[in-house]
């Protein structure tokens, strides 16, 4: 697994208990005529649910305990995944960066071609 945790994310995670859970989820994305899914990163402070723990491996990366789902562990090792903070209207949150940007069109209708 090729992952790093930025210094500001390390500080944020330390304030929240020092443990994070990361995974890549499939989510529906809007399309004109068909449903499509995209890989979307998910980063949460804390440990995974007990009934899900068998799907996770635990690593220490840049001083942070990371519970990484198999979807992240098996992700392309050539791509550096970066855990960092981002600010939105509700304050700071963690994000995983470095994944390819999902397509923003359905690719099947005349408006998207």
PDB file of N, CA and C in Angstrom:
ATOM      1  N   UNK A   1       0.853  -1.178   0.000  1.00  0.00           N
ATOM      2  CA  UNK A   1       0.000   0.000   0.000  1.00  0.00           C
ATOM      3  C   UNK A   1       0.890   1.230   0.000  1.00  0.00           C
ATOM      4  N   UNK A   2       0.606   2.145  -0.890  1.00  0.00           N
ATOM      5  CA  UNK A   2       1.389   3.349  -1.075  1.00  0.00           C
ATOM      6  C   UNK A   2       0.574   4.528  -0.555  1.00  0.00           C
ATOM      7  N   UNK A   3       0.774   4.890   0.728  1.00  0.00           N
ATOM      8  CA  UNK A   3      -0.042   5.939   1.342  1.00  0.00           C
ATOM      9  C   UNK A   3       0.821   6.787   2.260  1.00  0.00           C
ATOM     10  N   UNK A   4       0.473   8.063   2.326  1.00  0.00           N
ATOM     11  CA  UNK A   4       1.126   8.984   3.244  1.00  0.00           C
ATOM     12  C   UNK A   4       0.054   9.785   3.974  1.00  0.00           C
ATOM     13  N   UNK A   5       0.405  10.303   5.143  1.00  0.00           N
ATOM     14  CA  UNK A   5      -0.500  11.146   5.932  1.00  0.00           C
ATOM     15  C   UNK A   5       0.210  12.479   6.137  1.00  0.00           C
ATOM     16  N   UNK A   6      -0.411  13.562   5.686  1.00  0.00           N
ATOM     17  CA  UNK A   6       0.227  14.875   5.806  1.00  0.00           C
ATOM     18  C   UNK A   6       0.353  15.267   7.275  1.00  0.00           C
ATOM     19  N   UNK A   7       1.227  16.228   7.518  1.00  0.00           N
ATOM     20  CA  UNK A   7       1.469  16.685   8.877  1.00  0.00           C
ATOM     21  C   UNK A   7       0.209  17.274   9.513  1.00  0.00           C
ATOM     22  N   UNK A   8      -0.532  18.073   8.758  1.00  0.00           N
ATOM     23  CA  UNK A   8      -1.744  18.666   9.342  1.00  0.00           C
ATOM     24  C   UNK A   8      -2.818  17.605   9.597  1.00  0.00           C
ATOM     25  N   UNK A   9      -2.865  16.560   8.759  1.00  0.00           N
ATOM     26  CA  UNK A   9      -3.793  15.457   9.017  1.00  0.00           C
ATOM     27  C   UNK A   9      -3.351  14.676  10.253  1.00  0.00           C
ATOM     28  N   UNK A  10      -2.047  14.500  10.437  1.00  0.00           N
ATOM     29  CA  UNK A  10      -1.534  13.815  11.629  1.00  0.00           C
ATOM     30  C   UNK A  10      -1.969  14.547  12.896  1.00  0.00           C
ATOM     31  N   UNK A  11      -1.875  15.861  12.871  1.00  0.00           N
ATOM     32  CA  UNK A  11      -2.287  16.671  14.023  1.00  0.00           C
ATOM     33  C   UNK A  11      -3.785  16.522  14.291  1.00  0.00           C
ATOM     34  N   UNK A  12      -4.590  16.590  13.237  1.00  0.00           N
ATOM     35  CA  UNK A  12      -6.040  16.456  13.376  1.00  0.00           C
ATOM     36  C   UNK A  12      -6.404  15.080  13.919  1.00  0.00           C
ATOM     37  N   UNK A  13      -5.788  14.033  13.377  1.00  0.00           N
ATOM     38  CA  UNK A  13      -6.073  12.659  13.807  1.00  0.00           C
ATOM     39  C   UNK A  13      -5.644  12.455  15.257  1.00  0.00           C
ATOM     40  N   UNK A  14      -4.505  13.024  15.650  1.00  0.00           N
ATOM     41  CA  UNK A  14      -4.036  12.908  17.036  1.00  0.00           C
ATOM     42  C   UNK A  14      -5.046  13.518  18.004  1.00  0.00           C
ATOM     43  N   UNK A  15      -5.659  14.624  17.629  1.00  0.00           N
ATOM     44  CA  UNK A  15      -6.665  15.271  18.469  1.00  0.00           C
ATOM     45  C   UNK A  15      -7.931  14.430  18.585  1.00  0.00           C
ATOM     46  N   UNK A  16      -8.172  13.572  17.586  1.00  0.00           N
ATOM     47  CA  UNK A  16      -9.390  12.764  17.548  1.00  0.00           C
ATOM     48  C   UNK A  16      -9.172  11.319  18.002  1.00  0.00           C
ATOM     49  N   UNK A  17      -8.002  11.025  18.564  1.00  0.00           N
ATOM     50  CA  UNK A  17      -7.771   9.681  19.093  1.00  0.00           C
ATOM     51  C   UNK A  17      -6.659   8.897  18.421  1.00  0.00           C
ATOM     52  N   UNK A  18      -6.131   9.385  17.310  1.00  0.00           N
ATOM     53  CA  UNK A  18      -4.971   8.771  16.680  1.00  0.00           C
ATOM     54  C   UNK A  18      -5.226   7.570  15.787  1.00  0.00           C
ATOM     55  N   UNK A  19      -6.502   7.276  15.491  1.00  0.00           N
ATOM     56  CA  UNK A  19      -6.837   6.097  14.684  1.00  0.00           C
ATOM     57  C   UNK A  19      -7.804   6.507  13.578  1.00  0.00           C
ATOM     58  N   UNK A  20      -7.554   5.986  12.351  1.00  0.00           N
ATOM     59  CA  UNK A  20      -8.485   6.230  11.242  1.00  0.00           C
ATOM     60  C   UNK A  20      -8.800   4.928  10.522  1.00  0.00           C
ATOM     61  N   UNK A  21      -9.906   4.960   9.803  1.00  0.00           N
ATOM     62  CA  UNK A  21     -10.332   3.856   8.948  1.00  0.00           C
ATOM     63  C   UNK A  21     -10.461   4.400   7.533  1.00  0.00           C
ATOM     64  N   UNK A  22      -9.855   3.693   6.565  1.00  0.00           N
ATOM     65  CA  UNK A  22      -9.923   4.129   5.169  1.00  0.00           C
ATOM     66  C   UNK A  22     -10.440   2.996   4.299  1.00  0.00           C
ATOM     67  N   UNK A  23     -11.200   3.372   3.273  1.00  0.00           N
ATOM     68  CA  UNK A  23     -11.685   2.399   2.298  1.00  0.00           C
ATOM     69  C   UNK A  23     -12.080   3.119   1.024  1.00  0.00           C
ATOM     70  N   UNK A  24     -12.230   2.362  -0.040  1.00  0.00           N
ATOM     71  CA  UNK A  24     -12.733   2.903  -1.297  1.00  0.00           C
ATOM     72  C   UNK A  24     -14.108   2.295  -1.501  1.00  0.00           C
ATOM     73  N   UNK A  25     -15.112   3.172  -1.570  1.00  0.00           N
ATOM     74  CA  UNK A  25     -16.494   2.729  -1.710  1.00  0.00           C
ATOM     75  C   UNK A  25     -16.970   2.939  -3.136  1.00  0.00           C
ATOM     76  N   UNK A  26     -17.884   2.109  -3.557  1.00  0.00           N
ATOM     77  CA  UNK A  26     -18.570   2.310  -4.832  1.00  0.00           C
ATOM     78  C   UNK A  26     -19.821   3.127  -4.526  1.00  0.00           C
ATOM     79  N   UNK A  27     -19.964   4.257  -5.210  1.00  0.00           N
ATOM     80  CA  UNK A  27     -21.152   5.090  -5.017  1.00  0.00           C
ATOM     81  C   UNK A  27     -21.767   5.401  -6.367  1.00  0.00           C
ATOM     82  N   UNK A  28     -23.080   5.560  -6.357  1.00  0.00           N
ATOM     83  CA  UNK A  28     -23.782   5.955  -7.573  1.00  0.00           C
ATOM     84  C   UNK A  28     -23.444   7.396  -7.912  1.00  0.00           C
ATOM     85  N   UNK A  29     -23.232   7.646  -9.190  1.00  0.00           N
ATOM     86  CA  UNK A  29     -23.015   9.018  -9.645  1.00  0.00           C
ATOM     87  C   UNK A  29     -24.133   9.373 -10.607  1.00  0.00           C
ATOM     88  N   UNK A  30     -24.507  10.632 -10.649  1.00  0.00           N
ATOM     89  CA  UNK A  30     -25.600  11.024 -11.536  1.00  0.00           C
ATOM     90  C   UNK A  30     -25.224  10.836 -12.992  1.00  0.00           C
ATOM     91  N   UNK A  31     -26.180  10.414 -13.750  1.00  0.00           N
ATOM     92  CA  UNK A  31     -25.996  10.245 -15.184  1.00  0.00           C
ATOM     93  C   UNK A  31     -27.262  10.673 -15.899  1.00  0.00           C
ATOM     94  N   UNK A  32     -27.153  10.881 -17.168  1.00  0.00           N
ATOM     95  CA  UNK A  32     -28.294  11.343 -17.947  1.00  0.00           C
ATOM     96  C   UNK A  32     -29.310  10.231 -18.174  1.00  0.00           C
ATOM     97  N   UNK A  33     -28.820   9.045 -18.507  1.00  0.00           N
ATOM     98  CA  UNK A  33     -29.770   7.998 -18.865  1.00  0.00           C
ATOM     99  C   UNK A  33     -29.491   6.660 -18.196  1.00  0.00           C
ATOM    100  N   UNK A  34     -28.355   6.518 -17.553  1.00  0.00           N
ATOM    101  CA  UNK A  34     -28.047   5.235 -16.930  1.00  0.00           C
ATOM    102  C   UNK A  34     -27.364   5.457 -15.594  1.00  0.00           C
ATOM    103  N   UNK A  35     -27.489   4.473 -14.717  1.00  0.00           N
ATOM    104  CA  UNK A  35     -26.821   4.548 -13.428  1.00  0.00           C
ATOM    105  C   UNK A  35     -25.393   4.066 -13.590  1.00  0.00           C
ATOM    106  N   UNK A  36     -24.476   4.781 -12.999  1.00  0.00           N
ATOM    107  CA  UNK A  36     -23.079   4.392 -13.014  1.00  0.00           C
ATOM    108  C   UNK A  36     -22.519   4.496 -11.612  1.00  0.00           C
ATOM    109  N   UNK A  37     -21.449   3.764 -11.373  1.00  0.00           N
ATOM    110  CA  UNK A  37     -20.785   3.853 -10.075  1.00  0.00           C
ATOM    111  C   UNK A  37     -19.368   4.384 -10.268  1.00  0.00           C
ATOM    112  N   UNK A  38     -18.838   4.939  -9.197  1.00  0.00           N
ATOM    113  CA  UNK A  38     -17.467   5.446  -9.211  1.00  0.00           C
ATOM    114  C   UNK A  38     -16.807   5.072  -7.897  1.00  0.00           C
ATOM    115  N   UNK A  39     -15.476   4.913  -7.939  1.00  0.00           N
ATOM    116  CA  UNK A  39     -14.712   4.676  -6.722  1.00  0.00           C
ATOM    117  C   UNK A  39     -14.577   5.997  -5.981  1.00  0.00           C
ATOM    118  N   UNK A  40     -15.032   6.017  -4.737  1.00  0.00           N
ATOM    119  CA  UNK A  40     -14.995   7.227  -3.930  1.00  0.00           C
ATOM    120  C   UNK A  40     -14.274   6.903  -2.624  1.00  0.00           C
ATOM    121  N   UNK A  41     -13.268   7.688  -2.268  1.00  0.00           N
ATOM    122  CA  UNK A  41     -12.544   7.419  -1.026  1.00  0.00           C
ATOM    123  C   UNK A  41     -13.358   7.799   0.197  1.00  0.00           C
ATOM    124  N   UNK A  42     -13.201   7.016   1.246  1.00  0.00           N
ATOM    125  CA  UNK A  42     -13.869   7.309   2.516  1.00  0.00           C
ATOM    126  C   UNK A  42     -12.842   7.202   3.644  1.00  0.00           C
ATOM    127  N   UNK A  43     -12.741   8.249   4.444  1.00  0.00           N
ATOM    128  CA  UNK A  43     -11.823   8.278   5.580  1.00  0.00           C
ATOM    129  C   UNK A  43     -12.629   8.662   6.805  1.00  0.00           C
ATOM    130  N   UNK A  44     -12.543   7.837   7.844  1.00  0.00           N
ATOM    131  CA  UNK A  44     -13.282   8.100   9.073  1.00  0.00           C
ATOM    132  C   UNK A  44     -12.328   8.012  10.262  1.00  0.00           C
ATOM    133  N   UNK A  45     -12.544   8.854  11.253  1.00  0.00           N
ATOM    134  CA  UNK A  45     -11.784   8.772  12.490  1.00  0.00           C
ATOM    135  C   UNK A  45     -12.325   7.593  13.289  1.00  0.00           C
ATOM    136  N   UNK A  46     -11.431   6.796  13.849  1.00  0.00           N
ATOM    137  CA  UNK A  46     -11.836   5.661  14.671  1.00  0.00           C
ATOM    138  C   UNK A  46     -11.641   4.334  13.965  1.00  0.00           C
ATOM    139  N   UNK A  47     -12.036   3.287  14.637  1.00  0.00           N
ATOM    140  CA  UNK A  47     -11.880   1.928  14.125  1.00  0.00           C
ATOM    141  C   UNK A  47     -13.105   1.500  13.331  1.00  0.00           C
ATOM    142  N   UNK A  48     -12.943   0.477  12.482  1.00  0.00           N
ATOM    143  CA  UNK A  48     -14.110  -0.043  11.765  1.00  0.00           C
ATOM    144  C   UNK A  48     -15.044  -0.770  12.722  1.00  0.00           C
ATOM    145  N   UNK A  49     -16.265  -0.977  12.276  1.00  0.00           N
ATOM    146  CA  UNK A  49     -17.235  -1.723  13.072  1.00  0.00           C
ATOM    147  C   UNK A  49     -16.698  -3.130  13.335  1.00  0.00           C
ATOM    148  N   UNK A  50     -17.015  -3.693  14.495  1.00  0.00           N
ATOM    149  CA  UNK A  50     -16.491  -5.010  14.870  1.00  0.00           C
ATOM    150  C   UNK A  50     -16.829  -6.088  13.853  1.00  0.00           C
ATOM    151  N   UNK A  51     -18.037  -6.041  13.280  1.00  0.00           N
ATOM    152  CA  UNK A  51     -18.425  -7.077  12.330  1.00  0.00           C
ATOM    153  C   UNK A  51     -17.708  -6.930  10.977  1.00  0.00           C
ATOM    154  N   UNK A  52     -17.005  -5.804  10.750  1.00  0.00           N
ATOM    155  CA  UNK A  52     -16.278  -5.579   9.502  1.00  0.00           C
ATOM    156  C   UNK A  52     -14.767  -5.774   9.642  1.00  0.00           C
ATOM    157  N   UNK A  53     -14.263  -5.939  10.860  1.00  0.00           N
ATOM    158  CA  UNK A  53     -12.820  -5.925  11.105  1.00  0.00           C
ATOM    159  C   UNK A  53     -12.044  -6.949  10.288  1.00  0.00           C
ATOM    160  N   UNK A  54     -12.646  -8.070   9.947  1.00  0.00           N
ATOM    161  CA  UNK A  54     -11.920  -9.097   9.189  1.00  0.00           C
ATOM    162  C   UNK A  54     -11.529  -8.622   7.791  1.00  0.00           C
ATOM    163  N   UNK A  55     -12.194  -7.582   7.281  1.00  0.00           N
ATOM    164  CA  UNK A  55     -11.889  -7.044   5.960  1.00  0.00           C
ATOM    165  C   UNK A  55     -10.806  -5.967   5.988  1.00  0.00           C
ATOM    166  N   UNK A  56     -10.240  -5.705   7.158  1.00  0.00           N
ATOM    167  CA  UNK A  56      -9.266  -4.634   7.331  1.00  0.00           C
ATOM    168  C   UNK A  56      -7.919  -5.167   7.798  1.00  0.00           C
ATOM    169  N   UNK A  57      -6.862  -4.458   7.391  1.00  0.00           N
ATOM    170  CA  UNK A  57      -5.525  -4.687   7.916  1.00  0.00           C
ATOM    171  C   UNK A  57      -5.106  -3.413   8.637  1.00  0.00           C
ATOM    172  N   UNK A  58      -4.285  -3.557   9.662  1.00  0.00           N
ATOM    173  CA  UNK A  58      -3.856  -2.402  10.440  1.00  0.00           C
ATOM    174  C   UNK A  58      -2.386  -2.099  10.164  1.00  0.00           C
ATOM    175  N   UNK A  59      -2.117  -0.841   9.874  1.00  0.00           N
ATOM    176  CA  UNK A  59      -0.766  -0.363   9.603  1.00  0.00           C
ATOM    177  C   UNK A  59      -0.533   0.891  10.440  1.00  0.00           C
ATOM    178  N   UNK A  60       0.730   1.210  10.675  1.00  0.00           N
ATOM    179  CA  UNK A  60       1.086   2.512  11.216  1.00  0.00           C
ATOM    180  C   UNK A  60       1.774   3.266  10.100  1.00  0.00           C
ATOM    181  N   UNK A  61       1.184   4.386   9.706  1.00  0.00           N
ATOM    182  CA  UNK A  61       1.712   5.200   8.621  1.00  0.00           C
ATOM    183  C   UNK A  61       1.920   6.612   9.154  1.00  0.00           C
ATOM    184  N   UNK A  62       3.140   7.070   9.100  1.00  0.00           N
ATOM    185  CA  UNK A  62       3.484   8.427   9.561  1.00  0.00           C
ATOM    186  C   UNK A  62       2.969   8.677  10.981  1.00  0.00           C
ATOM    187  N   UNK A  63       3.060   7.672  11.840  1.00  0.00           N
ATOM    188  CA  UNK A  63       2.667   7.813  13.234  1.00  0.00           C
ATOM    189  C   UNK A  63       1.178   7.677  13.497  1.00  0.00           C
ATOM    190  N   UNK A  64       0.394   7.346  12.483  1.00  0.00           N
ATOM    191  CA  UNK A  64      -1.058   7.205  12.622  1.00  0.00           C
ATOM    192  C   UNK A  64      -1.438   5.738  12.450  1.00  0.00           C
ATOM    193  N   UNK A  65      -2.282   5.222  13.354  1.00  0.00           N
ATOM    194  CA  UNK A  65      -2.791   3.865  13.190  1.00  0.00           C
ATOM    195  C   UNK A  65      -3.898   3.902  12.145  1.00  0.00           C
ATOM    196  N   UNK A  66      -3.682   3.145  11.060  1.00  0.00           N
ATOM    197  CA  UNK A  66      -4.606   3.145   9.925  1.00  0.00           C
ATOM    198  C   UNK A  66      -5.199   1.756   9.778  1.00  0.00           C
ATOM    199  N   UNK A  67      -6.527   1.665   9.847  1.00  0.00           N
ATOM    200  CA  UNK A  67      -7.246   0.433   9.520  1.00  0.00           C
ATOM    201  C   UNK A  67      -7.623   0.570   8.054  1.00  0.00           C
ATOM    202  N   UNK A  68      -6.977  -0.225   7.208  1.00  0.00           N
ATOM    203  CA  UNK A  68      -7.170  -0.104   5.764  1.00  0.00           C
ATOM    204  C   UNK A  68      -7.982  -1.284   5.242  1.00  0.00           C
ATOM    205  N   UNK A  69      -9.092  -0.982   4.594  1.00  0.00           N
ATOM    206  CA  UNK A  69      -9.949  -1.991   3.982  1.00  0.00           C
ATOM    207  C   UNK A  69      -9.200  -2.631   2.825  1.00  0.00           C
ATOM    208  N   UNK A  70      -9.568  -3.838   2.477  1.00  0.00           N
ATOM    209  CA  UNK A  70      -8.902  -4.543   1.375  1.00  0.00           C
ATOM    210  C   UNK A  70      -8.982  -3.760   0.066  1.00  0.00           C
ATOM    211  N   UNK A  71     -10.006  -2.919  -0.101  1.00  0.00           N
ATOM    212  CA  UNK A  71     -10.124  -2.108  -1.315  1.00  0.00           C
ATOM    213  C   UNK A  71      -8.991  -1.094  -1.430  1.00  0.00           C
ATOM    214  N   UNK A  72      -8.410  -0.683  -0.301  1.00  0.00           N
ATOM    215  CA  UNK A  72      -7.288   0.251  -0.312  1.00  0.00           C
ATOM    216  C   UNK A  72      -5.969  -0.519  -0.354  1.00  0.00           C
ATOM    217  N   UNK A  73      -5.871  -1.582   0.428  1.00  0.00           N
ATOM    218  CA  UNK A  73      -4.642  -2.373   0.482  1.00  0.00           C
ATOM    219  C   UNK A  73      -4.312  -2.922  -0.897  1.00  0.00           C
ATOM    220  N   UNK A  74      -5.324  -3.369  -1.627  1.00  0.00           N
ATOM    221  CA  UNK A  74      -5.111  -3.956  -2.946  1.00  0.00           C
ATOM    222  C   UNK A  74      -5.132  -2.934  -4.072  1.00  0.00           C
ATOM    223  N   UNK A  75      -5.247  -1.646  -3.740  1.00  0.00           N
ATOM    224  CA  UNK A  75      -5.286  -0.615  -4.773  1.00  0.00           C
ATOM    225  C   UNK A  75      -3.916  -0.514  -5.433  1.00  0.00           C
ATOM    226  N   UNK A  76      -3.871   0.033  -6.592  1.00  0.00           N
ATOM    227  CA  UNK A  76      -2.663   0.167  -7.405  1.00  0.00           C
ATOM    228  C   UNK A  76      -1.524   0.805  -6.592  1.00  0.00           C
ATOM    229  N   UNK A  77      -0.460   0.030  -6.326  1.00  0.00           N
ATOM    230  CA  UNK A  77       0.663   0.528  -5.529  1.00  0.00           C
ATOM    231  C   UNK A  77       1.463   1.627  -6.217  1.00  0.00           C
ATOM    232  N   UNK A  78       1.245   1.842  -7.506  1.00  0.00           N
ATOM    233  CA  UNK A  78       1.982   2.872  -8.224  1.00  0.00           C
ATOM    234  C   UNK A  78       1.417   4.258  -7.945  1.00  0.00           C
ATOM    235  N   UNK A  79       0.201   4.324  -7.436  1.00  0.00           N
ATOM    236  CA  UNK A  79      -0.454   5.601  -7.160  1.00  0.00           C
ATOM    237  C   UNK A  79      -0.316   5.911  -5.674  1.00  0.00           C
ATOM    238  N   UNK A  80       0.244   7.078  -5.363  1.00  0.00           N
ATOM    239  CA  UNK A  80       0.380   7.505  -3.976  1.00  0.00           C
ATOM    240  C   UNK A  80      -0.962   8.048  -3.483  1.00  0.00           C
ATOM    241  N   UNK A  81      -1.514   7.418  -2.474  1.00  0.00           N
ATOM    242  CA  UNK A  81      -2.735   7.912  -1.838  1.00  0.00           C
ATOM    243  C   UNK A  81      -2.313   8.777  -0.661  1.00  0.00           C
ATOM    244  N   UNK A  82      -2.921   9.936  -0.523  1.00  0.00           N
ATOM    245  CA  UNK A  82      -2.542  10.901   0.500  1.00  0.00           C
ATOM    246  C   UNK A  82      -3.745  11.213   1.376  1.00  0.00           C
ATOM    247  N   UNK A  83      -3.565  11.069   2.686  1.00  0.00           N
ATOM    248  CA  UNK A  83      -4.591  11.465   3.650  1.00  0.00           C
ATOM    249  C   UNK A  83      -4.279  12.892   4.075  1.00  0.00           C
ATOM    250  N   UNK A  84      -5.261  13.762   3.952  1.00  0.00           N
ATOM    251  CA  UNK A  84      -5.068  15.171   4.295  1.00  0.00           C
ATOM    252  C   UNK A  84      -6.379  15.708   4.847  1.00  0.00           C
ATOM    253  N   UNK A  85      -6.329  16.904   5.383  1.00  0.00           N
ATOM    254  CA  UNK A  85      -7.553  17.546   5.856  1.00  0.00           C
ATOM    255  C   UNK A  85      -8.098  18.434   4.751  1.00  0.00           C
ATOM    256  N   UNK A  86      -9.390  18.620   4.790  1.00  0.00           N
ATOM    257  CA  UNK A  86     -10.037  19.587   3.909  1.00  0.00           C
ATOM    258  C   UNK A  86     -11.064  20.336   4.742  1.00  0.00           C
ATOM    259  N   UNK A  87     -11.336  21.552   4.364  1.00  0.00           N
ATOM    260  CA  UNK A  87     -12.268  22.383   5.108  1.00  0.00           C
ATOM    261  C   UNK A  87     -13.513  22.580   4.273  1.00  0.00           C
ATOM    262  N   UNK A  88     -14.663  22.406   4.923  1.00  0.00           N
ATOM    263  CA  UNK A  88     -15.926  22.685   4.248  1.00  0.00           C
ATOM    264  C   UNK A  88     -16.753  23.594   5.142  1.00  0.00           C
ATOM    265  N   UNK A  89     -17.988  23.768   4.827  1.00  0.00           N
ATOM    266  CA  UNK A  89     -18.869  24.665   5.573  1.00  0.00           C
ATOM    267  C   UNK A  89     -19.002  24.274   7.045  1.00  0.00           C
ATOM    268  N   UNK A  90     -18.822  22.992   7.335  1.00  0.00           N
ATOM    269  CA  UNK A  90     -19.042  22.484   8.689  1.00  0.00           C
ATOM    270  C   UNK A  90     -17.751  22.305   9.476  1.00  0.00           C
ATOM    271  N   UNK A  91     -16.604  22.667   8.926  1.00  0.00           N
ATOM    272  CA  UNK A  91     -15.327  22.553   9.614  1.00  0.00           C
ATOM    273  C   UNK A  91     -14.374  21.648   8.856  1.00  0.00           C
ATOM    274  N   UNK A  92     -13.423  21.069   9.594  1.00  0.00           N
ATOM    275  CA  UNK A  92     -12.422  20.207   8.982  1.00  0.00           C
ATOM    276  C   UNK A  92     -12.909  18.772   8.918  1.00  0.00           C
ATOM    277  N   UNK A  93     -12.443  18.074   7.881  1.00  0.00           N
ATOM    278  CA  UNK A  93     -12.666  16.646   7.793  1.00  0.00           C
ATOM    279  C   UNK A  93     -11.488  16.036   7.059  1.00  0.00           C
ATOM    280  N   UNK A  94     -11.366  14.738   7.119  1.00  0.00           N
ATOM    281  CA  UNK A  94     -10.284  14.036   6.454  1.00  0.00           C
ATOM    282  C   UNK A  94     -10.704  13.618   5.062  1.00  0.00           C
ATOM    283  N   UNK A  95      -9.750  13.584   4.159  1.00  0.00           N
ATOM    284  CA  UNK A  95     -10.000  13.120   2.815  1.00  0.00           C
ATOM    285  C   UNK A  95      -8.826  12.310   2.308  1.00  0.00           C
ATOM    286  N   UNK A  96      -9.092  11.437   1.348  1.00  0.00           N
ATOM    287  CA  UNK A  96      -8.050  10.663   0.698  1.00  0.00           C
ATOM    288  C   UNK A  96      -7.928  11.176  -0.733  1.00  0.00           C
ATOM    289  N   UNK A  97      -6.722  11.527  -1.120  1.00  0.00           N
ATOM    290  CA  UNK A  97      -6.485  12.138  -2.417  1.00  0.00           C
ATOM    291  C   UNK A  97      -5.509  11.291  -3.217  1.00  0.00           C
ATOM    292  N   UNK A  98      -5.613  11.371  -4.535  1.00  0.00           N
ATOM    293  CA  UNK A  98      -4.713  10.649  -5.412  1.00  0.00           C
ATOM    294  C   UNK A  98      -5.412   9.652  -6.305  1.00  0.00           C
ATOM    295  N   UNK A  99      -6.691   9.383  -6.028  1.00  0.00           N
ATOM    296  CA  UNK A  99      -7.451   8.482  -6.886  1.00  0.00           C
ATOM    297  C   UNK A  99      -7.770   9.174  -8.202  1.00  0.00           C
ATOM    298  N   UNK A 100      -7.868   8.423  -9.289  1.00  0.00           N
ATOM    299  CA  UNK A 100      -8.293   9.041 -10.550  1.00  0.00           C
ATOM    300  C   UNK A 100      -9.681   9.660 -10.399  1.00  0.00           C
ATOM    301  N   UNK A 101      -9.908  10.787 -11.058  1.00  0.00           N
ATOM    302  CA  UNK A 101     -11.199  11.473 -10.997  1.00  0.00           C
ATOM    303  C   UNK A 101     -12.226  10.648 -11.778  1.00  0.00           C
ATOM    304  N   UNK A 102     -13.387  10.334 -11.164  1.00  0.00           N
ATOM    305  CA  UNK A 102     -14.396   9.564 -11.900  1.00  0.00           C
ATOM    306  C   UNK A 102     -14.993  10.385 -13.036  1.00  0.00           C
ATOM    307  N   UNK A 103     -15.471   9.696 -14.028  1.00  0.00           N
ATOM    308  CA  UNK A 103     -16.111  10.358 -15.167  1.00  0.00           C
ATOM    309  C   UNK A 103     -17.313  11.160 -14.682  1.00  0.00           C
ATOM    310  N   UNK A 104     -17.519  12.321 -15.268  1.00  0.00           N
ATOM    311  CA  UNK A 104     -18.617  13.192 -14.875  1.00  0.00           C
ATOM    312  C   UNK A 104     -19.793  13.116 -15.847  1.00  0.00           C
ATOM    313  N   UNK A 105     -19.732  12.199 -16.796  1.00  0.00           N
ATOM    314  CA  UNK A 105     -20.815  12.059 -17.761  1.00  0.00           C
ATOM    315  C   UNK A 105     -21.218  10.601 -17.840  1.00  0.00           C
ATOM    316  N   UNK A 106     -22.406  10.364 -18.354  1.00  0.00           N
ATOM    317  CA  UNK A 106     -22.859   8.978 -18.497  1.00  0.00           C
ATOM    318  C   UNK A 106     -22.201   8.319 -19.700  1.00  0.00           C
ATOM    319  N   UNK A 107     -21.833   9.124 -20.706  1.00  0.00           N
ATOM    320  CA  UNK A 107     -21.149   8.601 -21.878  1.00  0.00           C
ATOM    321  C   UNK A 107     -22.026   7.900 -22.890  1.00  0.00           C
ATOM    322  N   UNK A 108     -23.334   7.855 -22.634  1.00  0.00           N
ATOM    323  CA  UNK A 108     -24.206   7.110 -23.551  1.00  0.00           C
ATOM    324  C   UNK A 108     -25.212   7.987 -24.275  1.00  0.00           C
ATOM    325  N   UNK A 109     -25.539   9.141 -23.760  1.00  0.00           N
ATOM    326  CA  UNK A 109     -26.561   9.972 -24.417  1.00  0.00           C
ATOM    327  C   UNK A 109     -25.907  10.992 -25.352  1.00  0.00           C
ATOM    328  N   UNK A 110     -26.688  11.613 -26.179  1.00  0.00           N
ATOM    329  CA  UNK A 110     -26.157  12.573 -27.163  1.00  0.00           C
ATOM    330  C   UNK A 110     -25.598  13.824 -26.493  1.00  0.00           C
ATOM    331  N   UNK A 111     -26.107  14.194 -25.329  1.00  0.00           N
ATOM    332  CA  UNK A 111     -25.613  15.376 -24.626  1.00  0.00           C
ATOM    333  C   UNK A 111     -24.206  15.157 -24.085  1.00  0.00           C
ATOM    334  N   UNK A 112     -23.865  13.902 -23.811  1.00  0.00           N
ATOM    335  CA  UNK A 112     -22.564  13.603 -23.192  1.00  0.00           C
ATOM    336  C   UNK A 112     -21.497  13.205 -24.215  1.00  0.00           C
ATOM    337  N   UNK A 113     -21.880  12.959 -25.443  1.00  0.00           N
ATOM    338  CA  UNK A 113     -20.892  12.520 -26.415  1.00  0.00           C
ATOM    339  C   UNK A 113     -20.321  13.642 -27.217  1.00  0.00           C
TER     340      UNK A 113
END
